[in-house]
Amino acid sequence: MPKCSNKKLALIAIILDEEEENRNRRKRIWIREMLRKRKQFGEYHTLFNDLSEEETSFYKYFRMSQDQFYILLSKIERQITKQNTPFRESISAKEKLMVCLR
């Protein structure tokens, strides 16, 4: 076979290989659908405000007073806070602490 056809075969093989790679790639999801609805249906957003209104309910849920919760939060907030990105909103330090304590 002439050299020209070997080059053509090599190019065809490369193109076919790239097409196969593109078909096998999964679509990347930056944020899952259930997490998008977190502010509407998530435990933090629906429950925390209600608990904050009643000290006894708050204490039963977290096993600490609201004052203790906010003192603890002030001590660790800088270490657990992340920045928002254009792709997704970060979880607040208060929400992280609530989940951890629960």
PDB file of N, CA and C in Angstrom:
ATOM      1  N   MET A   1       0.840  -1.185   0.000  1.00  0.00           N
ATOM      2  CA  MET A   1       0.000   0.000   0.000  1.00  0.00           C
ATOM      3  C   MET A   1       0.880   1.242   0.000  1.00  0.00           C
ATOM      4  N   PRO A   2       0.472   2.255  -0.708  1.00  0.00           N
ATOM      5  CA  PRO A   2       1.238   3.492  -0.726  1.00  0.00           C
ATOM      6  C   PRO A   2       1.139   4.198   0.638  1.00  0.00           C
ATOM      7  N   LYS A   3       2.104   5.084   0.927  1.00  0.00           N
ATOM      8  CA  LYS A   3       2.158   5.793   2.200  1.00  0.00           C
ATOM      9  C   LYS A   3       0.938   6.686   2.408  1.00  0.00           C
ATOM     10  N   CYS A   4       0.444   7.252   1.361  1.00  0.00           N
ATOM     11  CA  CYS A   4      -0.704   8.163   1.443  1.00  0.00           C
ATOM     12  C   CYS A   4      -1.912   7.448   2.035  1.00  0.00           C
ATOM     13  N   SER A   5      -2.172   6.235   1.653  1.00  0.00           N
ATOM     14  CA  SER A   5      -3.330   5.522   2.173  1.00  0.00           C
ATOM     15  C   SER A   5      -3.109   5.111   3.633  1.00  0.00           C
ATOM     16  N   ASN A   6      -1.863   4.856   4.042  1.00  0.00           N
ATOM     17  CA  ASN A   6      -1.582   4.551   5.453  1.00  0.00           C
ATOM     18  C   ASN A   6      -1.914   5.759   6.334  1.00  0.00           C
ATOM     19  N   LYS A   7      -1.604   6.960   5.838  1.00  0.00           N
ATOM     20  CA  LYS A   7      -1.922   8.177   6.596  1.00  0.00           C
ATOM     21  C   LYS A   7      -3.427   8.351   6.713  1.00  0.00           C
ATOM     22  N   LYS A   8      -4.116   8.068   5.608  1.00  0.00           N
ATOM     23  CA  LYS A   8      -5.571   8.182   5.631  1.00  0.00           C
ATOM     24  C   LYS A   8      -6.185   7.183   6.617  1.00  0.00           C
ATOM     25  N   LEU A   9      -5.680   5.965   6.620  1.00  0.00           N
ATOM     26  CA  LEU A   9      -6.184   4.953   7.545  1.00  0.00           C
ATOM     27  C   LEU A   9      -5.918   5.355   9.002  1.00  0.00           C
ATOM     28  N   ALA A  10      -4.746   5.925   9.239  1.00  0.00           N
ATOM     29  CA  ALA A  10      -4.414   6.363  10.592  1.00  0.00           C
ATOM     30  C   ALA A  10      -5.348   7.481  11.036  1.00  0.00           C
ATOM     31  N   LEU A  11      -5.641   8.431  10.143  1.00  0.00           N
ATOM     32  CA  LEU A  11      -6.558   9.524  10.467  1.00  0.00           C
ATOM     33  C   LEU A  11      -7.970   9.008  10.736  1.00  0.00           C
ATOM     34  N   ILE A  12      -8.400   8.064   9.922  1.00  0.00           N
ATOM     35  CA  ILE A  12      -9.728   7.487  10.120  1.00  0.00           C
ATOM     36  C   ILE A  12      -9.802   6.770  11.470  1.00  0.00           C
ATOM     37  N   ALA A  13      -8.756   6.047  11.820  1.00  0.00           N
ATOM     38  CA  ALA A  13      -8.726   5.339  13.101  1.00  0.00           C
ATOM     39  C   ALA A  13      -8.786   6.327  14.268  1.00  0.00           C
ATOM     40  N   ILE A  14      -8.058   7.433  14.150  1.00  0.00           N
ATOM     41  CA  ILE A  14      -8.069   8.446  15.209  1.00  0.00           C
ATOM     42  C   ILE A  14      -9.449   9.076  15.343  1.00  0.00           C
ATOM     43  N   ILE A  15     -10.061   9.405  14.231  1.00  0.00           N
ATOM     44  CA  ILE A  15     -11.397  10.013  14.250  1.00  0.00           C
ATOM     45  C   ILE A  15     -12.420   9.057  14.854  1.00  0.00           C
ATOM     46  N   LEU A  16     -12.382   7.805  14.467  1.00  0.00           N
ATOM     47  CA  LEU A  16     -13.315   6.821  15.020  1.00  0.00           C
ATOM     48  C   LEU A  16     -13.103   6.631  16.524  1.00  0.00           C
ATOM     49  N   ASP A  17     -11.855   6.641  16.951  1.00  0.00           N
ATOM     50  CA  ASP A  17     -11.551   6.499  18.374  1.00  0.00           C
ATOM     51  C   ASP A  17     -12.094   7.691  19.163  1.00  0.00           C
ATOM     52  N   GLU A  18     -11.948   8.893  18.644  1.00  0.00           N
ATOM     53  CA  GLU A  18     -12.460  10.089  19.318  1.00  0.00           C
ATOM     54  C   GLU A  18     -13.983  10.071  19.391  1.00  0.00           C
ATOM     55  N   GLU A  19     -14.634   9.638  18.322  1.00  0.00           N
ATOM     56  CA  GLU A  19     -16.092   9.548  18.337  1.00  0.00           C
ATOM     57  C   GLU A  19     -16.576   8.558  19.387  1.00  0.00           C
ATOM     58  N   GLU A  20     -15.860   7.450  19.517  1.00  0.00           N
ATOM     59  CA  GLU A  20     -16.250   6.451  20.520  1.00  0.00           C
ATOM     60  C   GLU A  20     -16.067   7.007  21.929  1.00  0.00           C
ATOM     61  N   GLU A  21     -14.996   7.750  22.168  1.00  0.00           N
ATOM     62  CA  GLU A  21     -14.777   8.365  23.476  1.00  0.00           C
ATOM     63  C   GLU A  21     -15.888   9.349  23.800  1.00  0.00           C
ATOM     64  N   ASN A  22     -16.303  10.137  22.820  1.00  0.00           N
ATOM     65  CA  ASN A  22     -17.370  11.119  23.039  1.00  0.00           C
ATOM     66  C   ASN A  22     -18.692  10.446  23.379  1.00  0.00           C
ATOM     67  N   ARG A  23     -18.977   9.316  22.794  1.00  0.00           N
ATOM     68  CA  ARG A  23     -20.207   8.600  23.086  1.00  0.00           C
ATOM     69  C   ARG A  23     -20.187   7.990  24.480  1.00  0.00           C
ATOM     70  N   ASN A  24     -19.010   7.593  24.946  1.00  0.00           N
ATOM     71  CA  ASN A  24     -18.894   6.937  26.248  1.00  0.00           C
ATOM     72  C   ASN A  24     -18.830   7.915  27.414  1.00  0.00           C
ATOM     73  N   ARG A  25     -18.642   9.179  27.143  1.00  0.00           N
ATOM     74  CA  ARG A  25     -18.574  10.170  28.219  1.00  0.00           C
ATOM     75  C   ARG A  25     -19.948  10.376  28.827  1.00  0.00           C
ATOM     76  N   ARG A  26     -19.975  10.457  30.140  1.00  0.00           N
ATOM     77  CA  ARG A  26     -21.227  10.731  30.834  1.00  0.00           C
ATOM     78  C   ARG A  26     -21.404  12.229  30.951  1.00  0.00           C
ATOM     79  N   LYS A  27     -22.639  12.634  30.964  1.00  0.00           N
ATOM     80  CA  LYS A  27     -22.947  14.038  31.166  1.00  0.00           C
ATOM     81  C   LYS A  27     -22.693  14.371  32.639  1.00  0.00           C
ATOM     82  N   ARG A  28     -21.940  15.432  32.877  1.00  0.00           N
ATOM     83  CA  ARG A  28     -21.623  15.813  34.251  1.00  0.00           C
ATOM     84  C   ARG A  28     -22.746  16.676  34.807  1.00  0.00           C
ATOM     85  N   ILE A  29     -23.161  16.347  36.002  1.00  0.00           N
ATOM     86  CA  ILE A  29     -24.203  17.108  36.670  1.00  0.00           C
ATOM     87  C   ILE A  29     -23.550  17.869  37.810  1.00  0.00           C
ATOM     88  N   TRP A  30     -23.685  19.187  37.798  1.00  0.00           N
ATOM     89  CA  TRP A  30     -23.056  19.999  38.835  1.00  0.00           C
ATOM     90  C   TRP A  30     -23.825  19.933  40.145  1.00  0.00           C
ATOM     91  N   ILE A  31     -25.126  19.837  40.045  1.00  0.00           N
ATOM     92  CA  ILE A  31     -25.927  19.760  41.265  1.00  0.00           C
ATOM     93  C   ILE A  31     -27.136  18.877  40.984  1.00  0.00           C
ATOM     94  N   ARG A  32     -27.398  17.983  41.871  1.00  0.00           N
ATOM     95  CA  ARG A  32     -28.514  17.055  41.687  1.00  0.00           C
ATOM     96  C   ARG A  32     -29.838  17.776  41.896  1.00  0.00           C
ATOM     97  N   GLU A  33     -30.859  17.260  41.250  1.00  0.00           N
ATOM     98  CA  GLU A  33     -32.178  17.896  41.287  1.00  0.00           C
ATOM     99  C   GLU A  33     -32.711  18.003  42.715  1.00  0.00           C
ATOM    100  N   MET A  34     -32.529  16.955  43.510  1.00  0.00           N
ATOM    101  CA  MET A  34     -33.045  16.998  44.883  1.00  0.00           C
ATOM    102  C   MET A  34     -32.345  18.067  45.707  1.00  0.00           C
ATOM    103  N   LEU A  35     -31.089  18.366  45.405  1.00  0.00           N
ATOM    104  CA  LEU A  35     -30.374  19.394  46.150  1.00  0.00           C
ATOM    105  C   LEU A  35     -30.792  20.797  45.720  1.00  0.00           C
ATOM    106  N   ARG A  36     -31.275  20.931  44.508  1.00  0.00           N
ATOM    107  CA  ARG A  36     -31.787  22.235  44.065  1.00  0.00           C
ATOM    108  C   ARG A  36     -33.016  22.646  44.871  1.00  0.00           C
ATOM    109  N   LYS A  37     -33.768  21.677  45.318  1.00  0.00           N
ATOM    110  CA  LYS A  37     -35.000  21.938  46.056  1.00  0.00           C
ATOM    111  C   LYS A  37     -34.763  22.012  47.559  1.00  0.00           C
ATOM    112  N   ARG A  38     -33.499  22.019  47.975  1.00  0.00           N
ATOM    113  CA  ARG A  38     -33.159  21.994  49.393  1.00  0.00           C
ATOM    114  C   ARG A  38     -33.756  23.170  50.155  1.00  0.00           C
ATOM    115  N   LYS A  39     -33.772  24.357  49.547  1.00  0.00           N
ATOM    116  CA  LYS A  39     -34.299  25.531  50.247  1.00  0.00           C
ATOM    117  C   LYS A  39     -35.808  25.461  50.435  1.00  0.00           C
ATOM    118  N   GLN A  40     -36.494  24.742  49.587  1.00  0.00           N
ATOM    119  CA  GLN A  40     -37.938  24.616  49.722  1.00  0.00           C
ATOM    120  C   GLN A  40     -38.329  23.498  50.678  1.00  0.00           C
ATOM    121  N   PHE A  41     -37.657  22.359  50.559  1.00  0.00           N
ATOM    122  CA  PHE A  41     -38.110  21.165  51.268  1.00  0.00           C
ATOM    123  C   PHE A  41     -37.107  20.614  52.271  1.00  0.00           C
ATOM    124  N   GLY A  42     -35.926  21.180  52.343  1.00  0.00           N
ATOM    125  CA  GLY A  42     -34.891  20.653  53.229  1.00  0.00           C
ATOM    126  C   GLY A  42     -35.213  20.867  54.695  1.00  0.00           C
ATOM    127  N   GLU A  43     -34.681  19.999  55.515  1.00  0.00           N
ATOM    128  CA  GLU A  43     -34.966  20.039  56.941  1.00  0.00           C
ATOM    129  C   GLU A  43     -34.514  21.356  57.569  1.00  0.00           C
ATOM    130  N   TYR A  44     -33.360  21.835  57.184  1.00  0.00           N
ATOM    131  CA  TYR A  44     -32.845  23.077  57.769  1.00  0.00           C
ATOM    132  C   TYR A  44     -33.783  24.247  57.506  1.00  0.00           C
ATOM    133  N   HIS A  45     -34.174  24.409  56.271  1.00  0.00           N
ATOM    134  CA  HIS A  45     -34.972  25.574  55.888  1.00  0.00           C
ATOM    135  C   HIS A  45     -36.415  25.504  56.392  1.00  0.00           C
ATOM    136  N   THR A  46     -36.911  24.317  56.612  1.00  0.00           N
ATOM    137  CA  THR A  46     -38.290  24.206  57.086  1.00  0.00           C
ATOM    138  C   THR A  46     -38.376  24.086  58.604  1.00  0.00           C
ATOM    139  N   LEU A  47     -37.381  23.483  59.221  1.00  0.00           N
ATOM    140  CA  LEU A  47     -37.469  23.174  60.641  1.00  0.00           C
ATOM    141  C   LEU A  47     -36.749  24.175  61.545  1.00  0.00           C
ATOM    142  N   PHE A  48     -35.609  24.679  61.108  1.00  0.00           N
ATOM    143  CA  PHE A  48     -34.783  25.495  61.995  1.00  0.00           C
ATOM    144  C   PHE A  48     -35.514  26.748  62.471  1.00  0.00           C
ATOM    145  N   ASN A  49     -36.230  27.424  61.600  1.00  0.00           N
ATOM    146  CA  ASN A  49     -36.966  28.624  62.006  1.00  0.00           C
ATOM    147  C   ASN A  49     -38.031  28.301  63.049  1.00  0.00           C
ATOM    148  N   ASP A  50     -38.718  27.177  62.868  1.00  0.00           N
ATOM    149  CA  ASP A  50     -39.728  26.778  63.851  1.00  0.00           C
ATOM    150  C   ASP A  50     -39.092  26.456  65.196  1.00  0.00           C
ATOM    151  N   LEU A  51     -37.958  25.774  65.166  1.00  0.00           N
ATOM    152  CA  LEU A  51     -37.279  25.426  66.411  1.00  0.00           C
ATOM    153  C   LEU A  51     -36.741  26.660  67.126  1.00  0.00           C
ATOM    154  N   SER A  52     -36.313  27.650  66.363  1.00  0.00           N
ATOM    155  CA  SER A  52     -35.758  28.866  66.961  1.00  0.00           C
ATOM    156  C   SER A  52     -36.797  29.637  67.762  1.00  0.00           C
ATOM    157  N   GLU A  53     -38.055  29.460  67.440  1.00  0.00           N
ATOM    158  CA  GLU A  53     -39.119  30.179  68.144  1.00  0.00           C
ATOM    159  C   GLU A  53     -39.411  29.579  69.522  1.00  0.00           C
ATOM    160  N   GLU A  54     -39.118  28.303  69.703  1.00  0.00           N
ATOM    161  CA  GLU A  54     -39.393  27.633  70.972  1.00  0.00           C
ATOM    162  C   GLU A  54     -38.104  27.065  71.550  1.00  0.00           C
ATOM    163  N   GLU A  55     -37.693  27.605  72.672  1.00  0.00           N
ATOM    164  CA  GLU A  55     -36.435  27.177  73.293  1.00  0.00           C
ATOM    165  C   GLU A  55     -36.468  25.704  73.704  1.00  0.00           C
ATOM    166  N   THR A  56     -37.597  25.240  74.222  1.00  0.00           N
ATOM    167  CA  THR A  56     -37.661  23.840  74.670  1.00  0.00           C
ATOM    168  C   THR A  56     -37.567  22.868  73.492  1.00  0.00           C
ATOM    169  N   SER A  57     -38.216  23.193  72.392  1.00  0.00           N
ATOM    170  CA  SER A  57     -38.133  22.342  71.197  1.00  0.00           C
ATOM    171  C   SER A  57     -36.711  22.346  70.639  1.00  0.00           C
ATOM    172  N   PHE A  58     -36.108  23.511  70.641  1.00  0.00           N
ATOM    173  CA  PHE A  58     -34.730  23.625  70.168  1.00  0.00           C
ATOM    174  C   PHE A  58     -33.815  22.747  71.020  1.00  0.00           C
ATOM    175  N   TYR A  59     -33.983  22.830  72.335  1.00  0.00           N
ATOM    176  CA  TYR A  59     -33.150  22.049  73.240  1.00  0.00           C
ATOM    177  C   TYR A  59     -33.360  20.546  73.047  1.00  0.00           C
ATOM    178  N   LYS A  60     -34.595  20.119  72.884  1.00  0.00           N
ATOM    179  CA  LYS A  60     -34.878  18.698  72.671  1.00  0.00           C
ATOM    180  C   LYS A  60     -34.262  18.191  71.368  1.00  0.00           C
ATOM    181  N   TYR A  61     -34.262  19.030  70.348  1.00  0.00           N
ATOM    182  CA  TYR A  61     -33.766  18.619  69.033  1.00  0.00           C
ATOM    183  C   TYR A  61     -32.239  18.567  68.999  1.00  0.00           C
ATOM    184  N   PHE A  62     -31.583  19.579  69.588  1.00  0.00           N
ATOM    185  CA  PHE A  62     -30.122  19.680  69.502  1.00  0.00           C
ATOM    186  C   PHE A  62     -29.387  19.307  70.791  1.00  0.00           C
ATOM    187  N   ARG A  63     -30.111  19.124  71.871  1.00  0.00           N
ATOM    188  CA  ARG A  63     -29.516  18.833  73.166  1.00  0.00           C
ATOM    189  C   ARG A  63     -28.587  19.958  73.640  1.00  0.00           C
ATOM    190  N   MET A  64     -28.942  21.169  73.274  1.00  0.00           N
ATOM    191  CA  MET A  64     -28.228  22.364  73.738  1.00  0.00           C
ATOM    192  C   MET A  64     -29.136  23.568  73.543  1.00  0.00           C
ATOM    193  N   SER A  65     -28.866  24.611  74.297  1.00  0.00           N
ATOM    194  CA  SER A  65     -29.675  25.832  74.178  1.00  0.00           C
ATOM    195  C   SER A  65     -29.265  26.591  72.915  1.00  0.00           C
ATOM    196  N   GLN A  66     -30.100  27.551  72.546  1.00  0.00           N
ATOM    197  CA  GLN A  66     -29.764  28.373  71.384  1.00  0.00           C
ATOM    198  C   GLN A  66     -28.491  29.171  71.629  1.00  0.00           C
ATOM    199  N   ASP A  67     -28.304  29.644  72.847  1.00  0.00           N
ATOM    200  CA  ASP A  67     -27.085  30.386  73.177  1.00  0.00           C
ATOM    201  C   ASP A  67     -25.848  29.513  72.972  1.00  0.00           C
ATOM    202  N   GLN A  68     -25.908  28.277  73.448  1.00  0.00           N
ATOM    203  CA  GLN A  68     -24.782  27.359  73.273  1.00  0.00           C
ATOM    204  C   GLN A  68     -24.533  27.071  71.788  1.00  0.00           C
ATOM    205  N   PHE A  69     -25.623  26.909  71.036  1.00  0.00           N
ATOM    206  CA  PHE A  69     -25.507  26.661  69.598  1.00  0.00           C
ATOM    207  C   PHE A  69     -24.767  27.805  68.922  1.00  0.00           C
ATOM    208  N   TYR A  70     -25.157  29.035  69.195  1.00  0.00           N
ATOM    209  CA  TYR A  70     -24.549  30.181  68.530  1.00  0.00           C
ATOM    210  C   TYR A  70     -23.123  30.454  69.026  1.00  0.00           C
ATOM    211  N   ILE A  71     -22.821  30.112  70.260  1.00  0.00           N
ATOM    212  CA  ILE A  71     -21.442  30.226  70.745  1.00  0.00           C
ATOM    213  C   ILE A  71     -20.554  29.232  69.992  1.00  0.00           C
ATOM    214  N   LEU A  72     -21.028  27.999  69.882  1.00  0.00           N
ATOM    215  CA  LEU A  72     -20.291  26.980  69.138  1.00  0.00           C
ATOM    216  C   LEU A  72     -20.122  27.387  67.677  1.00  0.00           C
ATOM    217  N   LEU A  73     -21.190  27.891  67.078  1.00  0.00           N
ATOM    218  CA  LEU A  73     -21.135  28.335  65.690  1.00  0.00           C
ATOM    219  C   LEU A  73     -20.097  29.443  65.505  1.00  0.00           C
ATOM    220  N   SER A  74     -20.048  30.398  66.412  1.00  0.00           N
ATOM    221  CA  SER A  74     -19.095  31.504  66.284  1.00  0.00           C
ATOM    222  C   SER A  74     -17.647  31.015  66.377  1.00  0.00           C
ATOM    223  N   LYS A  75     -17.430  29.913  67.112  1.00  0.00           N
ATOM    224  CA  LYS A  75     -16.072  29.387  67.255  1.00  0.00           C
ATOM    225  C   LYS A  75     -15.585  28.625  66.030  1.00  0.00           C
ATOM    226  N   ILE A  76     -16.494  28.003  65.294  1.00  0.00           N
ATOM    227  CA  ILE A  76     -16.071  27.163  64.156  1.00  0.00           C
ATOM    228  C   ILE A  76     -16.477  27.709  62.785  1.00  0.00           C
ATOM    229  N   GLU A  77     -17.234  28.792  62.773  1.00  0.00           N
ATOM    230  CA  GLU A  77     -17.810  29.278  61.520  1.00  0.00           C
ATOM    231  C   GLU A  77     -16.755  29.551  60.441  1.00  0.00           C
ATOM    232  N   ARG A  78     -15.674  30.193  60.801  1.00  0.00           N
ATOM    233  CA  ARG A  78     -14.651  30.519  59.790  1.00  0.00           C
ATOM    234  C   ARG A  78     -14.033  29.269  59.181  1.00  0.00           C
ATOM    235  N   GLN A  79     -13.875  28.222  59.959  1.00  0.00           N
ATOM    236  CA  GLN A  79     -13.241  27.006  59.452  1.00  0.00           C
ATOM    237  C   GLN A  79     -14.161  26.186  58.540  1.00  0.00           C
ATOM    238  N   ILE A  80     -15.456  26.297  58.716  1.00  0.00           N
ATOM    239  CA  ILE A  80     -16.361  25.437  57.929  1.00  0.00           C
ATOM    240  C   ILE A  80     -17.112  26.193  56.836  1.00  0.00           C
ATOM    241  N   THR A  81     -16.873  27.485  56.696  1.00  0.00           N
ATOM    242  CA  THR A  81     -17.571  28.270  55.677  1.00  0.00           C
ATOM    243  C   THR A  81     -16.862  28.131  54.332  1.00  0.00           C
ATOM    244  N   LYS A  82     -17.632  27.901  53.294  1.00  0.00           N
ATOM    245  CA  LYS A  82     -17.126  27.825  51.921  1.00  0.00           C
ATOM    246  C   LYS A  82     -17.719  28.977  51.118  1.00  0.00           C
ATOM    247  N   GLN A  83     -17.098  29.264  49.970  1.00  0.00           N
ATOM    248  CA  GLN A  83     -17.593  30.333  49.110  1.00  0.00           C
ATOM    249  C   GLN A  83     -18.580  29.784  48.090  1.00  0.00           C
ATOM    250  N   ASN A  84     -19.526  30.619  47.713  1.00  0.00           N
ATOM    251  CA  ASN A  84     -20.438  30.265  46.625  1.00  0.00           C
ATOM    252  C   ASN A  84     -19.667  30.323  45.314  1.00  0.00           C
ATOM    253  N   THR A  85     -20.093  29.529  44.348  1.00  0.00           N
ATOM    254  CA  THR A  85     -19.506  29.561  43.015  1.00  0.00           C
ATOM    255  C   THR A  85     -20.612  29.877  42.021  1.00  0.00           C
ATOM    256  N   PRO A  86     -20.251  30.208  40.788  1.00  0.00           N
ATOM    257  CA  PRO A  86     -21.291  30.444  39.781  1.00  0.00           C
ATOM    258  C   PRO A  86     -22.133  29.201  39.496  1.00  0.00           C
ATOM    259  N   PHE A  87     -21.618  28.026  39.842  1.00  0.00           N
ATOM    260  CA  PHE A  87     -22.308  26.778  39.534  1.00  0.00           C
ATOM    261  C   PHE A  87     -23.245  26.317  40.643  1.00  0.00           C
ATOM    262  N   ARG A  88     -22.897  26.627  41.892  1.00  0.00           N
ATOM    263  CA  ARG A  88     -23.743  26.176  43.000  1.00  0.00           C
ATOM    264  C   ARG A  88     -23.514  27.036  44.233  1.00  0.00           C
ATOM    265  N   GLU A  89     -24.534  27.051  45.058  1.00  0.00           N
ATOM    266  CA  GLU A  89     -24.474  27.807  46.302  1.00  0.00           C
ATOM    267  C   GLU A  89     -23.961  26.884  47.407  1.00  0.00           C
ATOM    268  N   SER A  90     -23.052  27.398  48.219  1.00  0.00           N
ATOM    269  CA  SER A  90     -22.486  26.563  49.282  1.00  0.00           C
ATOM    270  C   SER A  90     -23.484  26.398  50.428  1.00  0.00           C
ATOM    271  N   ILE A  91     -23.234  25.398  51.239  1.00  0.00           N
ATOM    272  CA  ILE A  91     -24.071  25.154  52.416  1.00  0.00           C
ATOM    273  C   ILE A  91     -23.570  26.054  53.528  1.00  0.00           C
ATOM    274  N   SER A  92     -24.477  26.739  54.189  1.00  0.00           N
ATOM    275  CA  SER A  92     -24.083  27.696  55.229  1.00  0.00           C
ATOM    276  C   SER A  92     -23.474  26.970  56.427  1.00  0.00           C
ATOM    277  N   ALA A  93     -22.670  27.706  57.182  1.00  0.00           N
ATOM    278  CA  ALA A  93     -22.039  27.139  58.376  1.00  0.00           C
ATOM    279  C   ALA A  93     -23.091  26.724  59.393  1.00  0.00           C
ATOM    280  N   LYS A  94     -24.148  27.504  59.518  1.00  0.00           N
ATOM    281  CA  LYS A  94     -25.213  27.178  60.460  1.00  0.00           C
ATOM    282  C   LYS A  94     -25.898  25.859  60.081  1.00  0.00           C
ATOM    283  N   GLU A  95     -26.132  25.677  58.800  1.00  0.00           N
ATOM    284  CA  GLU A  95     -26.765  24.447  58.334  1.00  0.00           C
ATOM    285  C   GLU A  95     -25.839  23.248  58.550  1.00  0.00           C
ATOM    286  N   LYS A  96     -24.546  23.415  58.280  1.00  0.00           N
ATOM    287  CA  LYS A  96     -23.595  22.326  58.502  1.00  0.00           C
ATOM    288  C   LYS A  96     -23.552  21.922  59.974  1.00  0.00           C
ATOM    289  N   LEU A  97     -23.534  22.914  60.849  1.00  0.00           N
ATOM    290  CA  LEU A  97     -23.503  22.623  62.280  1.00  0.00           C
ATOM    291  C   LEU A  97     -24.772  21.904  62.716  1.00  0.00           C
ATOM    292  N   MET A  98     -25.908  22.360  62.206  1.00  0.00           N
ATOM    293  CA  MET A  98     -27.171  21.724  62.566  1.00  0.00           C
ATOM    294  C   MET A  98     -27.187  20.251  62.161  1.00  0.00           C
ATOM    295  N   VAL A  99     -26.740  19.959  60.964  1.00  0.00           N
ATOM    296  CA  VAL A  99     -26.721  18.576  60.481  1.00  0.00           C
ATOM    297  C   VAL A  99     -25.757  17.745  61.317  1.00  0.00           C
ATOM    298  N   CYS A 100     -24.616  18.323  61.623  1.00  0.00           N
ATOM    299  CA  CYS A 100     -23.612  17.601  62.416  1.00  0.00           C
ATOM    300  C   CYS A 100     -24.139  17.278  63.811  1.00  0.00           C
ATOM    301  N   LEU A 101     -24.779  18.216  64.444  1.00  0.00           N
ATOM    302  CA  LEU A 101     -25.285  17.979  65.794  1.00  0.00           C
ATOM    303  C   LEU A 101     -26.439  16.995  65.807  1.00  0.00           C
ATOM    304  N   ARG A 102     -27.257  17.054  64.787  1.00  0.00           N
ATOM    305  CA  ARG A 102     -28.418  16.181  64.740  1.00  0.00           C
ATOM    306  C   ARG A 102     -27.968  14.759  64.540  1.00  0.00           C
TER     307      ARG A 102
END
